[in-house]
N, C-alpha and C. Protein backbone atom coordinates (compact mmCIF):
# COMPACT_ATOMS: atom_id res chain seq x y z
N UNK A 1 114.20 151.53 184.47
CA UNK A 1 113.92 151.26 183.08
C UNK A 1 113.31 152.51 182.45
N UNK A 2 113.86 152.91 181.29
CA UNK A 2 113.36 154.11 180.60
C UNK A 2 112.00 153.81 179.98
N UNK A 3 111.02 154.69 180.24
CA UNK A 3 109.65 154.46 179.77
C UNK A 3 109.51 154.67 178.27
N UNK A 4 110.01 155.78 177.74
CA UNK A 4 109.83 156.12 176.35
C UNK A 4 111.09 156.78 175.81
N UNK A 5 111.52 156.37 174.60
CA UNK A 5 112.72 156.97 174.01
C UNK A 5 112.47 157.25 172.55
N UNK A 6 112.75 158.50 172.15
CA UNK A 6 112.66 158.90 170.76
C UNK A 6 113.89 158.35 170.03
N UNK A 7 113.64 157.55 168.99
CA UNK A 7 114.72 156.95 168.23
C UNK A 7 115.09 157.83 167.05
N UNK A 8 114.08 158.31 166.32
CA UNK A 8 114.32 159.14 165.14
C UNK A 8 113.04 159.88 164.80
N UNK A 9 113.17 160.92 163.98
CA UNK A 9 112.01 161.63 163.46
C UNK A 9 112.37 162.24 162.12
N UNK A 10 111.35 162.49 161.30
CA UNK A 10 111.57 163.14 160.01
C UNK A 10 110.31 163.89 159.63
N UNK A 11 110.48 164.90 158.77
CA UNK A 11 109.35 165.70 158.33
C UNK A 11 108.48 164.91 157.36
N UNK A 12 107.19 164.91 157.62
CA UNK A 12 106.23 164.31 156.70
C UNK A 12 105.75 165.37 155.70
N UNK A 13 105.48 166.54 156.21
CA UNK A 13 105.10 167.70 155.40
C UNK A 13 105.33 168.93 156.26
N UNK A 14 104.81 170.09 155.84
CA UNK A 14 105.07 171.32 156.59
C UNK A 14 104.33 171.39 157.91
N UNK A 15 103.35 170.49 158.13
CA UNK A 15 102.55 170.55 159.36
C UNK A 15 102.73 169.34 160.26
N UNK A 16 103.43 168.29 159.78
CA UNK A 16 103.54 167.06 160.56
C UNK A 16 104.95 166.49 160.49
N UNK A 17 105.31 165.80 161.56
CA UNK A 17 106.53 165.00 161.57
C UNK A 17 106.14 163.57 161.93
N UNK A 18 107.02 162.64 161.60
CA UNK A 18 106.84 161.24 161.97
C UNK A 18 107.91 160.93 163.01
N UNK A 19 107.48 160.38 164.12
CA UNK A 19 108.41 160.00 165.19
C UNK A 19 108.41 158.49 165.33
N UNK A 20 109.61 157.93 165.50
CA UNK A 20 109.78 156.52 165.82
C UNK A 20 110.27 156.46 167.27
N UNK A 21 109.47 155.80 168.11
CA UNK A 21 109.79 155.74 169.52
C UNK A 21 109.74 154.29 170.01
N UNK A 22 110.51 154.03 171.04
CA UNK A 22 110.44 152.74 171.74
C UNK A 22 109.92 153.06 173.13
N UNK A 23 108.92 152.29 173.55
CA UNK A 23 108.33 152.55 174.86
C UNK A 23 107.98 151.24 175.55
N UNK A 24 107.90 151.31 176.86
CA UNK A 24 107.52 150.16 177.67
C UNK A 24 106.17 150.46 178.30
N UNK A 25 105.33 149.44 178.31
CA UNK A 25 104.03 149.55 178.96
C UNK A 25 103.67 148.19 179.50
N UNK A 26 103.40 148.12 180.79
CA UNK A 26 103.06 146.87 181.48
C UNK A 26 104.08 145.77 181.17
N UNK A 27 105.37 146.13 181.30
CA UNK A 27 106.48 145.20 181.16
C UNK A 27 106.64 144.64 179.74
N UNK A 28 106.06 145.30 178.75
CA UNK A 28 106.22 144.88 177.34
C UNK A 28 106.81 146.07 176.60
N UNK A 29 107.77 145.79 175.71
CA UNK A 29 108.40 146.84 174.91
C UNK A 29 107.69 146.94 173.56
N UNK A 30 107.40 148.18 173.17
CA UNK A 30 106.69 148.46 171.91
C UNK A 30 107.49 149.43 171.05
N UNK A 31 107.27 149.35 169.75
CA UNK A 31 107.76 150.34 168.79
C UNK A 31 106.54 151.13 168.33
N UNK A 32 106.64 152.45 168.40
CA UNK A 32 105.55 153.33 167.99
C UNK A 32 106.03 154.22 166.86
N UNK A 33 105.35 154.17 165.72
CA UNK A 33 105.63 155.02 164.57
C UNK A 33 104.39 155.86 164.37
N UNK A 34 104.51 157.16 164.60
CA UNK A 34 103.30 157.99 164.67
C UNK A 34 103.54 159.36 164.04
N UNK A 35 102.49 159.88 163.43
CA UNK A 35 102.48 161.24 162.90
C UNK A 35 102.14 162.21 164.04
N UNK A 36 102.91 163.28 164.14
CA UNK A 36 102.70 164.31 165.16
C UNK A 36 102.47 165.64 164.47
N UNK A 37 101.50 166.41 164.96
CA UNK A 37 101.26 167.75 164.46
C UNK A 37 102.29 168.71 165.04
N UNK A 38 102.84 169.55 164.18
CA UNK A 38 103.77 170.57 164.64
C UNK A 38 102.99 171.73 165.23
N UNK A 39 103.56 172.43 166.20
CA UNK A 39 102.83 173.56 166.78
C UNK A 39 102.72 174.71 165.79
N UNK A 40 101.67 175.48 165.91
CA UNK A 40 101.48 176.67 165.11
C UNK A 40 102.52 177.70 165.54
N UNK A 41 103.30 178.26 164.60
CA UNK A 41 104.34 179.23 164.99
C UNK A 41 103.79 180.45 165.73
N UNK A 42 102.52 180.82 165.47
CA UNK A 42 101.93 181.97 166.13
C UNK A 42 101.47 181.65 167.56
N UNK A 43 101.37 180.37 167.88
CA UNK A 43 100.91 179.98 169.21
C UNK A 43 102.07 179.36 170.00
N UNK A 44 101.96 179.41 171.28
CA UNK A 44 102.99 178.82 172.14
C UNK A 44 102.53 177.42 172.53
N UNK A 45 102.66 176.47 171.61
CA UNK A 45 102.19 175.11 171.88
C UNK A 45 103.30 174.10 171.69
N UNK A 46 102.94 172.86 171.80
CA UNK A 46 103.91 171.79 171.60
C UNK A 46 103.36 170.81 170.57
N UNK A 47 104.22 169.90 170.13
CA UNK A 47 103.81 168.89 169.17
C UNK A 47 102.70 168.02 169.79
N UNK A 48 101.75 167.60 168.93
CA UNK A 48 100.65 166.77 169.41
C UNK A 48 100.59 165.47 168.62
N UNK A 49 100.50 164.31 169.30
CA UNK A 49 100.39 163.05 168.58
C UNK A 49 99.01 162.95 167.91
N UNK A 50 98.98 162.30 166.74
CA UNK A 50 97.72 162.06 166.06
C UNK A 50 97.34 160.59 166.20
N UNK A 51 96.18 160.25 165.70
CA UNK A 51 95.75 158.85 165.70
C UNK A 51 96.41 158.09 164.56
N UNK A 52 97.07 158.81 163.64
CA UNK A 52 97.70 158.16 162.50
C UNK A 52 99.03 157.59 162.94
N UNK A 53 99.06 156.28 163.11
CA UNK A 53 100.30 155.66 163.54
C UNK A 53 100.14 154.17 163.72
N UNK A 54 101.22 153.56 164.15
CA UNK A 54 101.26 152.11 164.33
C UNK A 54 102.08 151.80 165.57
N UNK A 55 101.54 150.97 166.44
CA UNK A 55 102.27 150.51 167.61
C UNK A 55 102.32 148.99 167.57
N UNK A 56 103.53 148.45 167.64
CA UNK A 56 103.74 147.00 167.57
C UNK A 56 104.61 146.53 168.73
N UNK A 57 104.38 145.29 169.17
CA UNK A 57 105.31 144.70 170.13
C UNK A 57 106.68 144.61 169.47
N UNK A 58 107.73 144.82 170.25
CA UNK A 58 109.09 144.89 169.73
C UNK A 58 109.47 143.62 168.96
N UNK A 59 108.97 142.47 169.35
CA UNK A 59 109.36 141.23 168.65
C UNK A 59 108.82 141.17 167.23
N UNK A 60 107.85 142.04 166.88
CA UNK A 60 107.33 142.09 165.51
C UNK A 60 108.11 143.04 164.61
N UNK A 61 109.06 143.77 165.17
CA UNK A 61 109.83 144.72 164.37
C UNK A 61 110.54 144.08 163.18
N UNK A 62 111.20 142.92 163.32
CA UNK A 62 111.84 142.32 162.15
C UNK A 62 110.85 142.02 161.01
N UNK A 63 109.62 141.62 161.35
CA UNK A 63 108.61 141.37 160.32
C UNK A 63 108.21 142.67 159.62
N UNK A 64 108.08 143.74 160.42
CA UNK A 64 107.75 145.05 159.83
C UNK A 64 108.87 145.50 158.88
N UNK A 65 110.10 145.37 159.32
CA UNK A 65 111.24 145.76 158.48
C UNK A 65 111.24 144.95 157.19
N UNK A 66 111.01 143.64 157.28
CA UNK A 66 110.96 142.80 156.09
C UNK A 66 109.85 143.26 155.13
N UNK A 67 108.70 143.60 155.67
CA UNK A 67 107.59 144.07 154.84
C UNK A 67 107.92 145.42 154.20
N UNK A 68 108.54 146.31 154.94
CA UNK A 68 108.93 147.62 154.38
C UNK A 68 109.98 147.47 153.30
N UNK A 69 110.91 146.52 153.47
CA UNK A 69 111.90 146.27 152.42
C UNK A 69 111.23 145.76 151.15
N UNK A 70 110.21 144.91 151.29
CA UNK A 70 109.46 144.44 150.12
C UNK A 70 108.74 145.61 149.45
N UNK A 71 108.17 146.49 150.24
CA UNK A 71 107.50 147.67 149.68
C UNK A 71 108.50 148.55 148.94
N UNK A 72 109.69 148.71 149.50
CA UNK A 72 110.71 149.52 148.84
C UNK A 72 111.11 148.91 147.50
N UNK A 73 111.27 147.60 147.44
CA UNK A 73 111.61 146.93 146.17
C UNK A 73 110.51 147.14 145.14
N UNK A 74 109.25 147.06 145.57
CA UNK A 74 108.12 147.27 144.65
C UNK A 74 108.14 148.70 144.12
N UNK A 75 108.40 149.65 144.98
CA UNK A 75 108.46 151.05 144.56
C UNK A 75 109.60 151.26 143.57
N UNK A 76 110.76 150.66 143.83
CA UNK A 76 111.90 150.78 142.91
C UNK A 76 111.56 150.16 141.56
N UNK A 77 110.86 149.01 141.57
CA UNK A 77 110.47 148.36 140.33
C UNK A 77 109.51 149.25 139.54
N UNK A 78 108.54 149.85 140.23
CA UNK A 78 107.61 150.75 139.55
C UNK A 78 108.31 151.97 139.01
N UNK A 79 109.29 152.48 139.76
CA UNK A 79 110.04 153.65 139.31
C UNK A 79 110.82 153.31 138.04
N UNK A 80 111.41 152.11 137.98
CA UNK A 80 112.12 151.68 136.78
C UNK A 80 111.16 151.61 135.60
N UNK A 81 109.94 151.12 135.81
CA UNK A 81 108.97 151.03 134.73
C UNK A 81 108.61 152.42 134.21
N UNK A 82 108.49 153.39 135.11
CA UNK A 82 108.20 154.77 134.70
C UNK A 82 109.36 155.30 133.89
N UNK A 83 110.58 155.03 134.33
CA UNK A 83 111.76 155.49 133.59
C UNK A 83 111.79 154.88 132.19
N UNK A 84 111.45 153.60 132.05
CA UNK A 84 111.44 152.93 130.75
C UNK A 84 110.45 153.61 129.82
N UNK A 85 109.30 154.00 130.35
CA UNK A 85 108.28 154.65 129.52
C UNK A 85 108.68 156.05 129.12
N UNK A 86 109.61 156.66 129.86
CA UNK A 86 110.05 158.00 129.54
C UNK A 86 111.33 158.00 128.71
N UNK A 87 111.78 156.86 128.28
CA UNK A 87 113.04 156.80 127.54
C UNK A 87 112.91 157.56 126.23
N UNK A 88 114.05 158.03 125.68
CA UNK A 88 114.02 158.78 124.42
C UNK A 88 113.33 157.97 123.32
N UNK A 89 112.52 158.66 122.54
CA UNK A 89 111.80 158.00 121.46
C UNK A 89 110.53 157.35 121.90
N UNK A 90 110.23 157.41 123.21
CA UNK A 90 109.03 156.80 123.73
C UNK A 90 107.78 157.63 123.45
N UNK A 91 107.99 158.89 123.02
CA UNK A 91 106.87 159.73 122.66
C UNK A 91 106.11 160.31 123.83
N UNK A 92 106.64 160.18 125.03
CA UNK A 92 105.94 160.74 126.20
C UNK A 92 106.72 161.92 126.74
N UNK A 93 106.01 162.80 127.37
CA UNK A 93 106.58 164.02 127.91
C UNK A 93 106.55 163.98 129.44
N UNK A 94 107.69 163.85 130.06
CA UNK A 94 107.86 163.78 131.53
C UNK A 94 106.82 162.88 132.16
N UNK A 95 106.21 163.32 133.26
CA UNK A 95 105.27 162.48 133.98
C UNK A 95 103.85 162.56 133.44
N UNK A 96 103.59 163.49 132.53
CA UNK A 96 102.22 163.67 132.08
C UNK A 96 101.72 162.50 131.24
N UNK A 97 102.64 161.81 130.59
CA UNK A 97 102.23 160.71 129.72
C UNK A 97 101.68 161.18 128.40
N UNK A 98 101.75 162.49 128.11
CA UNK A 98 101.24 163.04 126.88
C UNK A 98 102.36 163.14 125.86
N UNK A 99 101.99 163.06 124.58
CA UNK A 99 102.96 163.32 123.53
C UNK A 99 103.30 164.80 123.53
N UNK A 100 104.54 165.16 123.20
CA UNK A 100 104.90 166.57 123.19
C UNK A 100 104.08 167.37 122.18
N UNK A 101 103.81 168.62 122.54
CA UNK A 101 103.11 169.53 121.61
C UNK A 101 104.02 169.84 120.46
N UNK A 102 103.44 170.27 119.36
CA UNK A 102 104.22 170.64 118.19
C UNK A 102 105.20 171.75 118.56
N UNK A 103 106.45 171.59 118.22
CA UNK A 103 107.47 172.57 118.53
C UNK A 103 108.07 172.40 119.91
N UNK A 104 107.50 171.52 120.73
CA UNK A 104 108.02 171.27 122.08
C UNK A 104 109.09 170.20 122.03
N UNK A 105 110.14 170.38 122.80
CA UNK A 105 111.21 169.39 122.82
C UNK A 105 110.73 168.10 123.46
N UNK A 106 111.24 166.98 122.94
CA UNK A 106 110.89 165.67 123.52
C UNK A 106 111.68 165.40 124.75
């Protein structure tokens, strides 16, 4: 039985990546989503796991996915509201929420 498998990873910022791994411990399968520090290019090091992360029993993964989908819908709804406020004639300038300065394009 494979102990730990990297499923996917993506850049969080210039110094960290997020790794999604599946691992077994004491005959239980877990999903681990964790932030890892990237090595300093000037040093000969390796990626280091941080305390920032979440480990769940595999059977809770569908609940996590459902919750993340709800979060995504909320973010999309908020994004639509921001777009509505930025519509032409709304008197706002990009994300600042300020009215355009005199002579500035709307």
